[in-house]
N, C-alpha and C. Protein backbone atom coordinates (compact mmCIF):
# COMPACT_ATOMS: atom_id res chain seq x y z
N MET A 1 0.85 -1.18 0.00
CA MET A 1 0.00 0.00 0.00
C MET A 1 0.90 1.24 0.00
N ARG A 2 0.66 2.13 -0.95
CA ARG A 2 1.43 3.38 -1.01
C ARG A 2 0.71 4.42 -0.17
N VAL A 3 1.50 5.13 0.63
CA VAL A 3 0.96 6.17 1.51
C VAL A 3 1.81 7.44 1.37
N LYS A 4 1.20 8.55 1.69
CA LYS A 4 1.93 9.82 1.65
C LYS A 4 2.99 9.82 2.74
N ILE A 5 4.11 10.45 2.45
CA ILE A 5 5.21 10.49 3.41
C ILE A 5 4.78 11.18 4.71
N GLY A 6 3.89 12.15 4.62
CA GLY A 6 3.37 12.80 5.81
C GLY A 6 2.60 11.84 6.70
N ASP A 7 1.91 10.87 6.08
CA ASP A 7 1.19 9.86 6.86
C ASP A 7 2.16 8.94 7.60
N VAL A 8 3.33 8.70 7.01
CA VAL A 8 4.35 7.89 7.69
C VAL A 8 4.80 8.62 8.95
N GLY A 9 5.11 9.90 8.81
CA GLY A 9 5.52 10.68 9.98
C GLY A 9 4.45 10.72 11.05
N ALA A 10 3.21 10.96 10.64
CA ALA A 10 2.11 11.02 11.60
C ALA A 10 1.88 9.67 12.27
N GLY A 11 2.03 8.59 11.52
CA GLY A 11 1.88 7.25 12.08
C GLY A 11 2.96 6.91 13.09
N VAL A 12 4.18 7.30 12.79
CA VAL A 12 5.29 7.07 13.72
C VAL A 12 5.07 7.89 14.99
N LEU A 13 4.61 9.12 14.85
CA LEU A 13 4.31 9.94 16.02
C LEU A 13 3.19 9.32 16.85
N SER A 14 2.17 8.82 16.20
CA SER A 14 1.07 8.17 16.90
C SER A 14 1.58 6.97 17.70
N TYR A 15 2.41 6.16 17.07
CA TYR A 15 3.00 5.00 17.76
C TYR A 15 3.82 5.46 18.97
N ALA A 16 4.64 6.48 18.78
CA ALA A 16 5.50 6.96 19.87
C ALA A 16 4.66 7.45 21.06
N LYS A 17 3.57 8.16 20.76
CA LYS A 17 2.71 8.67 21.83
C LYS A 17 2.03 7.54 22.59
N GLU A 18 1.62 6.50 21.87
CA GLU A 18 0.87 5.40 22.48
C GLU A 18 1.74 4.33 23.11
N HIS A 19 2.96 4.13 22.58
CA HIS A 19 3.75 2.98 23.01
C HIS A 19 5.11 3.31 23.63
N ILE A 20 5.72 4.39 23.21
CA ILE A 20 7.05 4.72 23.74
C ILE A 20 6.95 5.67 24.92
N LEU A 21 6.19 6.74 24.76
CA LEU A 21 6.08 7.76 25.80
C LEU A 21 5.60 7.17 27.13
N PRO A 22 4.59 6.30 27.15
CA PRO A 22 4.13 5.75 28.43
C PRO A 22 5.19 4.92 29.17
N ALA A 23 6.20 4.43 28.45
CA ALA A 23 7.25 3.63 29.08
C ALA A 23 8.36 4.49 29.68
N MET A 24 8.34 5.78 29.42
CA MET A 24 9.37 6.67 29.93
C MET A 24 9.03 7.13 31.34
N GLN A 25 10.07 7.57 32.06
CA GLN A 25 9.88 8.04 33.43
C GLN A 25 10.73 9.29 33.67
N GLY A 26 10.34 10.06 34.67
CA GLY A 26 11.12 11.22 35.12
C GLY A 26 11.41 12.21 34.02
N PRO A 27 12.64 12.73 34.01
CA PRO A 27 13.03 13.74 33.02
C PRO A 27 12.89 13.23 31.58
N GLN A 28 13.14 11.96 31.38
CA GLN A 28 13.03 11.38 30.04
C GLN A 28 11.59 11.51 29.53
N LEU A 29 10.62 11.29 30.40
CA LEU A 29 9.22 11.43 30.03
C LEU A 29 8.90 12.87 29.64
N TRP A 30 9.37 13.80 30.43
CA TRP A 30 9.11 15.21 30.14
C TRP A 30 9.75 15.62 28.82
N VAL A 31 11.02 15.29 28.64
CA VAL A 31 11.72 15.64 27.40
C VAL A 31 11.06 14.96 26.20
N GLY A 32 10.74 13.68 26.35
CA GLY A 32 10.08 12.95 25.27
C GLY A 32 8.75 13.58 24.88
N GLY A 33 7.98 14.00 25.89
CA GLY A 33 6.70 14.65 25.63
C GLY A 33 6.86 15.96 24.89
N VAL A 34 7.85 16.74 25.30
CA VAL A 34 8.10 18.03 24.64
C VAL A 34 8.53 17.80 23.19
N ILE A 35 9.41 16.84 22.97
CA ILE A 35 9.89 16.57 21.62
C ILE A 35 8.74 16.10 20.73
N LEU A 36 7.92 15.19 21.25
CA LEU A 36 6.78 14.70 20.45
C LEU A 36 5.80 15.82 20.14
N ALA A 37 5.54 16.68 21.10
CA ALA A 37 4.64 17.81 20.86
C ALA A 37 5.20 18.74 19.79
N ALA A 38 6.50 19.00 19.86
CA ALA A 38 7.14 19.86 18.86
C ALA A 38 7.09 19.22 17.47
N CYS A 39 7.38 17.93 17.42
CA CYS A 39 7.34 17.22 16.13
C CYS A 39 5.92 17.19 15.58
N ASP A 40 4.96 16.95 16.47
CA ASP A 40 3.56 16.88 16.05
C ASP A 40 3.11 18.18 15.41
N SER A 41 3.54 19.29 15.96
CA SER A 41 3.12 20.58 15.43
C SER A 41 3.83 20.95 14.13
N LYS A 42 4.91 20.24 13.81
CA LYS A 42 5.70 20.59 12.62
C LYS A 42 5.87 19.42 11.66
N ILE A 43 5.08 18.36 11.84
CA ILE A 43 5.26 17.17 11.01
C ILE A 43 5.10 17.48 9.52
N ASP A 44 4.23 18.45 9.19
CA ASP A 44 4.04 18.81 7.78
C ASP A 44 5.26 19.50 7.18
N GLN A 45 6.16 19.98 8.02
CA GLN A 45 7.40 20.58 7.54
C GLN A 45 8.56 19.58 7.64
N ILE A 46 8.53 18.74 8.66
CA ILE A 46 9.63 17.79 8.90
C ILE A 46 9.73 16.75 7.79
N MET A 47 8.62 16.11 7.46
CA MET A 47 8.67 15.02 6.49
C MET A 47 9.08 15.48 5.09
N PRO A 48 8.53 16.57 4.56
CA PRO A 48 9.01 17.03 3.24
C PRO A 48 10.50 17.39 3.25
N ALA A 49 10.97 17.97 4.36
CA ALA A 49 12.39 18.31 4.45
C ALA A 49 13.23 17.03 4.45
N LEU A 50 12.77 16.01 5.15
CA LEU A 50 13.48 14.74 5.19
C LEU A 50 13.52 14.10 3.80
N VAL A 51 12.39 14.08 3.14
CA VAL A 51 12.30 13.47 1.81
C VAL A 51 13.04 14.30 0.77
N GLY A 52 13.27 15.57 1.05
CA GLY A 52 14.02 16.42 0.14
C GLY A 52 15.48 16.02 0.03
N GLN A 53 15.96 15.21 0.95
CA GLN A 53 17.34 14.73 0.90
C GLN A 53 17.42 13.58 -0.10
N PRO A 54 18.24 13.70 -1.12
CA PRO A 54 18.29 12.67 -2.17
C PRO A 54 18.51 11.26 -1.65
N MET A 55 19.40 11.08 -0.68
CA MET A 55 19.67 9.73 -0.17
C MET A 55 18.43 9.15 0.50
N VAL A 56 17.72 9.95 1.26
CA VAL A 56 16.50 9.49 1.93
C VAL A 56 15.46 9.11 0.89
N LYS A 57 15.33 9.92 -0.13
CA LYS A 57 14.35 9.66 -1.19
C LYS A 57 14.63 8.31 -1.86
N VAL A 58 15.88 8.03 -2.10
CA VAL A 58 16.25 6.76 -2.73
C VAL A 58 16.04 5.60 -1.75
N LEU A 59 16.51 5.74 -0.52
CA LEU A 59 16.39 4.66 0.45
C LEU A 59 14.95 4.29 0.76
N LEU A 60 14.08 5.29 0.85
CA LEU A 60 12.67 5.03 1.16
C LEU A 60 11.84 4.76 -0.10
N ASP A 61 12.47 4.85 -1.28
CA ASP A 61 11.78 4.63 -2.55
C ASP A 61 10.57 5.55 -2.68
N VAL A 62 10.81 6.84 -2.46
CA VAL A 62 9.77 7.85 -2.55
C VAL A 62 9.53 8.18 -4.03
N ASP A 63 8.26 8.15 -4.46
CA ASP A 63 7.97 8.44 -5.85
C ASP A 63 7.73 9.94 -6.06
N ASP A 64 7.37 10.31 -7.28
CA ASP A 64 7.19 11.73 -7.61
C ASP A 64 5.96 12.35 -6.94
N LYS A 65 5.11 11.53 -6.34
CA LYS A 65 3.94 12.02 -5.61
C LYS A 65 4.21 12.05 -4.10
N ASP A 66 5.47 11.87 -3.72
CA ASP A 66 5.87 11.80 -2.30
C ASP A 66 5.13 10.72 -1.53
N THR A 67 5.02 9.54 -2.15
CA THR A 67 4.44 8.39 -1.47
C THR A 67 5.48 7.29 -1.36
N VAL A 68 5.28 6.42 -0.38
CA VAL A 68 6.15 5.27 -0.17
C VAL A 68 5.29 4.02 -0.02
N ASP A 69 5.88 2.88 -0.30
CA ASP A 69 5.21 1.60 -0.09
C ASP A 69 5.43 1.23 1.37
N ILE A 70 4.41 1.45 2.21
CA ILE A 70 4.57 1.24 3.65
C ILE A 70 4.84 -0.23 3.97
N ASP A 71 4.25 -1.13 3.22
CA ASP A 71 4.47 -2.56 3.50
C ASP A 71 5.93 -2.93 3.25
N LYS A 72 6.48 -2.42 2.17
CA LYS A 72 7.89 -2.68 1.85
C LYS A 72 8.81 -2.04 2.90
N LEU A 73 8.50 -0.83 3.30
CA LEU A 73 9.30 -0.13 4.31
C LEU A 73 9.26 -0.87 5.65
N ILE A 74 8.08 -1.31 6.06
CA ILE A 74 7.95 -2.05 7.32
C ILE A 74 8.70 -3.37 7.24
N GLU A 75 8.61 -4.06 6.10
CA GLU A 75 9.34 -5.33 5.96
C GLU A 75 10.85 -5.12 6.04
N LEU A 76 11.35 -4.03 5.47
CA LEU A 76 12.79 -3.74 5.57
C LEU A 76 13.19 -3.49 7.03
N CYS A 77 12.37 -2.75 7.75
CA CYS A 77 12.65 -2.49 9.17
C CYS A 77 12.59 -3.78 9.98
N LYS A 78 11.61 -4.61 9.69
CA LYS A 78 11.47 -5.90 10.40
C LYS A 78 12.67 -6.80 10.13
N LYS A 79 13.12 -6.80 8.88
CA LYS A 79 14.28 -7.62 8.51
C LYS A 79 15.52 -7.16 9.29
N SER A 80 15.70 -5.86 9.37
CA SER A 80 16.84 -5.31 10.11
C SER A 80 16.75 -5.66 11.59
N SER A 81 15.55 -5.55 12.17
CA SER A 81 15.40 -5.86 13.59
C SER A 81 15.57 -7.35 13.84
N ALA A 82 15.14 -8.19 12.90
CA ALA A 82 15.27 -9.64 13.06
C ALA A 82 16.74 -10.07 13.05
N GLN A 83 17.55 -9.39 12.27
CA GLN A 83 18.96 -9.73 12.19
C GLN A 83 19.68 -9.47 13.52
N ASN A 84 19.21 -8.48 14.25
CA ASN A 84 19.88 -8.09 15.49
C ASN A 84 19.02 -8.33 16.73
N GLY A 85 17.86 -8.93 16.56
CA GLY A 85 16.95 -9.13 17.68
C GLY A 85 16.05 -7.92 17.89
N LYS A 86 16.61 -6.75 17.77
CA LYS A 86 15.87 -5.49 17.88
C LYS A 86 16.61 -4.43 17.09
N LEU A 87 15.88 -3.43 16.66
CA LEU A 87 16.50 -2.27 16.03
C LEU A 87 16.60 -1.21 17.09
N ARG A 88 17.80 -0.80 17.42
CA ARG A 88 18.03 0.16 18.50
C ARG A 88 18.29 1.54 17.92
N LEU A 89 17.49 2.51 18.37
CA LEU A 89 17.64 3.89 17.95
C LEU A 89 18.08 4.72 19.15
N ASN A 90 19.07 5.54 18.96
CA ASN A 90 19.49 6.46 20.01
C ASN A 90 18.94 7.84 19.69
N LEU A 91 17.92 8.24 20.42
CA LEU A 91 17.25 9.51 20.17
C LEU A 91 17.86 10.59 21.04
N PRO A 92 18.24 11.70 20.44
CA PRO A 92 18.83 12.80 21.22
C PRO A 92 17.92 13.22 22.36
N LEU A 93 18.50 13.43 23.52
CA LEU A 93 17.83 13.88 24.74
C LEU A 93 16.88 12.86 25.34
N VAL A 94 16.54 11.82 24.62
CA VAL A 94 15.61 10.81 25.12
C VAL A 94 16.35 9.55 25.52
N GLY A 95 17.27 9.12 24.68
CA GLY A 95 18.02 7.91 24.97
C GLY A 95 17.71 6.81 23.97
N ALA A 96 18.03 5.59 24.36
CA ALA A 96 17.88 4.44 23.47
C ALA A 96 16.44 3.94 23.46
N VAL A 97 15.97 3.62 22.26
CA VAL A 97 14.67 3.00 22.07
C VAL A 97 14.91 1.78 21.19
N SER A 98 14.43 0.63 21.64
CA SER A 98 14.60 -0.60 20.87
C SER A 98 13.26 -1.05 20.32
N LEU A 99 13.24 -1.39 19.05
CA LEU A 99 12.02 -1.81 18.38
C LEU A 99 12.23 -3.21 17.79
N ASN A 100 11.23 -4.09 17.97
CA ASN A 100 11.31 -5.43 17.39
C ASN A 100 10.31 -5.55 16.24
N GLU A 101 10.22 -6.74 15.68
CA GLU A 101 9.35 -6.95 14.52
C GLU A 101 7.89 -6.61 14.84
N ASP A 102 7.43 -6.98 16.01
CA ASP A 102 6.04 -6.68 16.39
C ASP A 102 5.80 -5.18 16.45
N ASP A 103 6.79 -4.44 16.95
CA ASP A 103 6.66 -2.98 17.01
C ASP A 103 6.46 -2.40 15.61
N PHE A 104 7.20 -2.93 14.65
CA PHE A 104 7.08 -2.41 13.28
C PHE A 104 5.73 -2.76 12.67
N ASP A 105 5.16 -3.91 13.03
CA ASP A 105 3.80 -4.23 12.57
C ASP A 105 2.81 -3.19 13.09
N VAL A 106 2.95 -2.83 14.36
CA VAL A 106 2.06 -1.83 14.96
C VAL A 106 2.27 -0.47 14.31
N ILE A 107 3.52 -0.09 14.07
CA ILE A 107 3.80 1.18 13.40
C ILE A 107 3.14 1.19 12.02
N GLY A 108 3.27 0.09 11.28
CA GLY A 108 2.64 0.00 9.97
C GLY A 108 1.14 0.18 10.04
N GLU A 109 0.50 -0.41 11.06
CA GLU A 109 -0.94 -0.26 11.22
C GLU A 109 -1.30 1.18 11.57
N CYS A 110 -0.49 1.83 12.40
CA CYS A 110 -0.74 3.25 12.74
C CYS A 110 -0.69 4.11 11.48
N VAL A 111 0.30 3.86 10.64
CA VAL A 111 0.44 4.63 9.40
C VAL A 111 -0.76 4.38 8.48
N LYS A 112 -1.15 3.12 8.33
CA LYS A 112 -2.28 2.79 7.46
C LYS A 112 -3.58 3.41 7.96
N GLU A 113 -3.79 3.42 9.26
CA GLU A 113 -5.00 4.04 9.81
C GLU A 113 -5.05 5.53 9.48
N ILE A 114 -3.91 6.19 9.61
CA ILE A 114 -3.86 7.62 9.29
C ILE A 114 -4.07 7.83 7.79
N ALA A 115 -3.46 6.99 6.99
CA ALA A 115 -3.59 7.11 5.53
C ALA A 115 -5.04 6.92 5.08
N LYS A 116 -5.76 6.06 5.78
CA LYS A 116 -7.16 5.80 5.43
C LYS A 116 -8.10 6.87 5.99
N GLY A 117 -7.54 7.75 6.81
CA GLY A 117 -8.37 8.81 7.37
C GLY A 117 -9.13 8.39 8.62
N ALA A 118 -8.66 7.32 9.23
CA ALA A 118 -9.33 6.81 10.44
C ALA A 118 -9.09 7.69 11.64
């Protein structure tokens, strides 16, 4: 399923709010909340800027309508996490976040729900 790149960003933010933020504590929770709120208010600017980078456009297989194949993208992420057990991201000011294959399935569903207008 092809989805707009903005829907990918909004879906990832939705996942982070529902699944990552609740697991944080203390200062990490506060910083994470502020970062998510800032990203949420600027997602329409963040995603086009990200896709404007030629390497990102190629890696995500973004077409001329700024859409990506979310199923293909999720499968690539799942493959990477399966090779290492989890995909570990080090987020500035927040710390390490580890995602497994199940997490990527949920992220994909969040993106699809947003793309469908749910």
